[in-house]
Amino acid sequence: MFIFAGFLIGAVWGGIFARRKGGERLDIVQYAAVWGLIGTILGTVLTVVIQRAM
């Protein structure tokens, strides 16, 4: 659940960030993809930490 949420939050954040910087459509897509992957990694780490704590 955290993994999917991390991807969505990261992708939205990356798209907004690229749009604010004046990027074109492909720039926005690239930023959204990269930030989505970063969010996925953070969500995975969070999931592992929570599972280890239990």
N, C-alpha and C. Protein backbone atom coordinates (compact mmCIF):
# COMPACT_ATOMS: atom_id res chain seq x y z
N MET A 1 0.82 -1.19 0.00
CA MET A 1 0.00 0.00 0.00
C MET A 1 0.87 1.26 0.00
N PHE A 2 1.93 1.28 0.81
CA PHE A 2 2.81 2.44 0.85
C PHE A 2 3.59 2.59 -0.46
N ILE A 3 3.85 1.47 -1.10
CA ILE A 3 4.60 1.51 -2.36
C ILE A 3 3.80 2.21 -3.43
N PHE A 4 2.54 1.83 -3.57
CA PHE A 4 1.67 2.45 -4.57
C PHE A 4 1.42 3.91 -4.25
N ALA A 5 1.19 4.21 -2.98
CA ALA A 5 0.96 5.60 -2.58
C ALA A 5 2.22 6.44 -2.82
N GLY A 6 3.38 5.87 -2.55
CA GLY A 6 4.63 6.58 -2.81
C GLY A 6 4.81 6.90 -4.28
N PHE A 7 4.44 5.95 -5.14
CA PHE A 7 4.53 6.20 -6.58
C PHE A 7 3.60 7.32 -7.01
N LEU A 8 2.36 7.26 -6.55
CA LEU A 8 1.40 8.28 -6.95
C LEU A 8 1.79 9.67 -6.44
N ILE A 9 2.18 9.75 -5.19
CA ILE A 9 2.57 11.05 -4.63
C ILE A 9 3.82 11.58 -5.35
N GLY A 10 4.78 10.71 -5.59
CA GLY A 10 6.00 11.13 -6.29
C GLY A 10 5.72 11.57 -7.71
N ALA A 11 4.87 10.85 -8.42
CA ALA A 11 4.56 11.20 -9.80
C ALA A 11 3.83 12.54 -9.88
N VAL A 12 2.89 12.75 -9.00
CA VAL A 12 2.17 14.02 -8.99
C VAL A 12 3.13 15.16 -8.64
N TRP A 13 3.95 14.94 -7.62
CA TRP A 13 4.92 15.97 -7.21
C TRP A 13 5.88 16.29 -8.36
N GLY A 14 6.38 15.28 -9.04
CA GLY A 14 7.30 15.50 -10.16
C GLY A 14 6.64 16.25 -11.31
N GLY A 15 5.39 15.91 -11.61
CA GLY A 15 4.67 16.61 -12.67
C GLY A 15 4.45 18.07 -12.34
N ILE A 16 4.08 18.34 -11.11
CA ILE A 16 3.87 19.74 -10.69
C ILE A 16 5.19 20.50 -10.73
N PHE A 17 6.25 19.87 -10.26
CA PHE A 17 7.56 20.51 -10.24
C PHE A 17 8.02 20.86 -11.66
N ALA A 18 7.86 19.93 -12.59
CA ALA A 18 8.28 20.17 -13.97
C ALA A 18 7.43 21.25 -14.62
N ARG A 19 6.15 21.25 -14.35
CA ARG A 19 5.27 22.26 -14.93
C ARG A 19 5.63 23.66 -14.42
N ARG A 20 5.96 23.76 -13.13
CA ARG A 20 6.36 25.06 -12.56
C ARG A 20 7.65 25.58 -13.17
N LYS A 21 8.53 24.65 -13.55
CA LYS A 21 9.79 25.06 -14.17
C LYS A 21 9.63 25.37 -15.65
N GLY A 22 8.42 25.23 -16.18
CA GLY A 22 8.16 25.56 -17.57
C GLY A 22 8.50 24.45 -18.55
N GLY A 23 8.46 23.22 -18.11
CA GLY A 23 8.80 22.10 -18.97
C GLY A 23 7.71 21.79 -19.98
N GLU A 24 8.13 21.19 -21.08
CA GLU A 24 7.18 20.74 -22.09
C GLU A 24 6.60 19.40 -21.66
N ARG A 25 5.74 18.84 -22.49
CA ARG A 25 5.00 17.63 -22.12
C ARG A 25 5.94 16.47 -21.77
N LEU A 26 6.95 16.23 -22.59
CA LEU A 26 7.85 15.11 -22.31
C LEU A 26 8.71 15.35 -21.08
N ASP A 27 9.04 16.62 -20.81
CA ASP A 27 9.77 16.93 -19.58
C ASP A 27 8.92 16.59 -18.36
N ILE A 28 7.64 16.95 -18.43
CA ILE A 28 6.73 16.67 -17.32
C ILE A 28 6.60 15.17 -17.11
N VAL A 29 6.49 14.42 -18.19
CA VAL A 29 6.38 12.96 -18.09
C VAL A 29 7.64 12.36 -17.49
N GLN A 30 8.80 12.86 -17.91
CA GLN A 30 10.06 12.33 -17.38
C GLN A 30 10.20 12.63 -15.89
N TYR A 31 9.92 13.86 -15.50
CA TYR A 31 9.99 14.20 -14.07
C TYR A 31 9.02 13.36 -13.26
N ALA A 32 7.80 13.18 -13.78
CA ALA A 32 6.81 12.37 -13.07
C ALA A 32 7.29 10.93 -12.92
N ALA A 33 7.90 10.38 -13.96
CA ALA A 33 8.39 9.00 -13.88
C ALA A 33 9.52 8.86 -12.88
N VAL A 34 10.47 9.78 -12.93
CA VAL A 34 11.62 9.70 -12.01
C VAL A 34 11.17 9.88 -10.57
N TRP A 35 10.36 10.90 -10.32
CA TRP A 35 9.89 11.13 -8.95
C TRP A 35 8.97 10.00 -8.49
N GLY A 36 8.24 9.39 -9.43
CA GLY A 36 7.43 8.22 -9.08
C GLY A 36 8.30 7.06 -8.63
N LEU A 37 9.42 6.85 -9.31
CA LEU A 37 10.34 5.79 -8.89
C LEU A 37 10.97 6.10 -7.53
N ILE A 38 11.32 7.36 -7.31
CA ILE A 38 11.86 7.74 -6.01
C ILE A 38 10.83 7.48 -4.91
N GLY A 39 9.58 7.83 -5.18
CA GLY A 39 8.51 7.57 -4.22
C GLY A 39 8.31 6.09 -3.98
N THR A 40 8.45 5.29 -5.04
CA THR A 40 8.33 3.85 -4.90
C THR A 40 9.43 3.29 -4.00
N ILE A 41 10.64 3.75 -4.19
CA ILE A 41 11.76 3.30 -3.35
C ILE A 41 11.52 3.68 -1.90
N LEU A 42 11.10 4.92 -1.66
CA LEU A 42 10.82 5.34 -0.29
C LEU A 42 9.67 4.55 0.32
N GLY A 43 8.64 4.25 -0.48
CA GLY A 43 7.53 3.44 0.01
C GLY A 43 7.97 2.03 0.35
N THR A 44 8.88 1.48 -0.44
CA THR A 44 9.40 0.14 -0.16
C THR A 44 10.20 0.14 1.14
N VAL A 45 11.04 1.14 1.32
CA VAL A 45 11.82 1.24 2.55
C VAL A 45 10.89 1.37 3.75
N LEU A 46 9.87 2.20 3.64
CA LEU A 46 8.92 2.39 4.72
C LEU A 46 8.19 1.08 5.04
N THR A 47 7.81 0.34 4.02
CA THR A 47 7.14 -0.95 4.23
C THR A 47 8.05 -1.93 4.96
N VAL A 48 9.31 -1.99 4.56
CA VAL A 48 10.26 -2.91 5.20
C VAL A 48 10.48 -2.51 6.65
N VAL A 49 10.62 -1.21 6.91
CA VAL A 49 10.82 -0.75 8.29
C VAL A 49 9.61 -1.11 9.15
N ILE A 50 8.43 -0.91 8.64
CA ILE A 50 7.22 -1.22 9.42
C ILE A 50 7.13 -2.73 9.66
N GLN A 51 7.43 -3.53 8.66
CA GLN A 51 7.36 -4.99 8.82
C GLN A 51 8.40 -5.49 9.82
N ARG A 52 9.57 -4.91 9.83
CA ARG A 52 10.62 -5.31 10.77
C ARG A 52 10.28 -4.92 12.19
N ALA A 53 9.56 -3.80 12.35
CA ALA A 53 9.22 -3.32 13.67
C ALA A 53 8.15 -4.18 14.33
N MET A 54 7.40 -4.91 13.53
CA MET A 54 6.30 -5.73 14.11
C MET A 54 6.78 -7.10 14.48
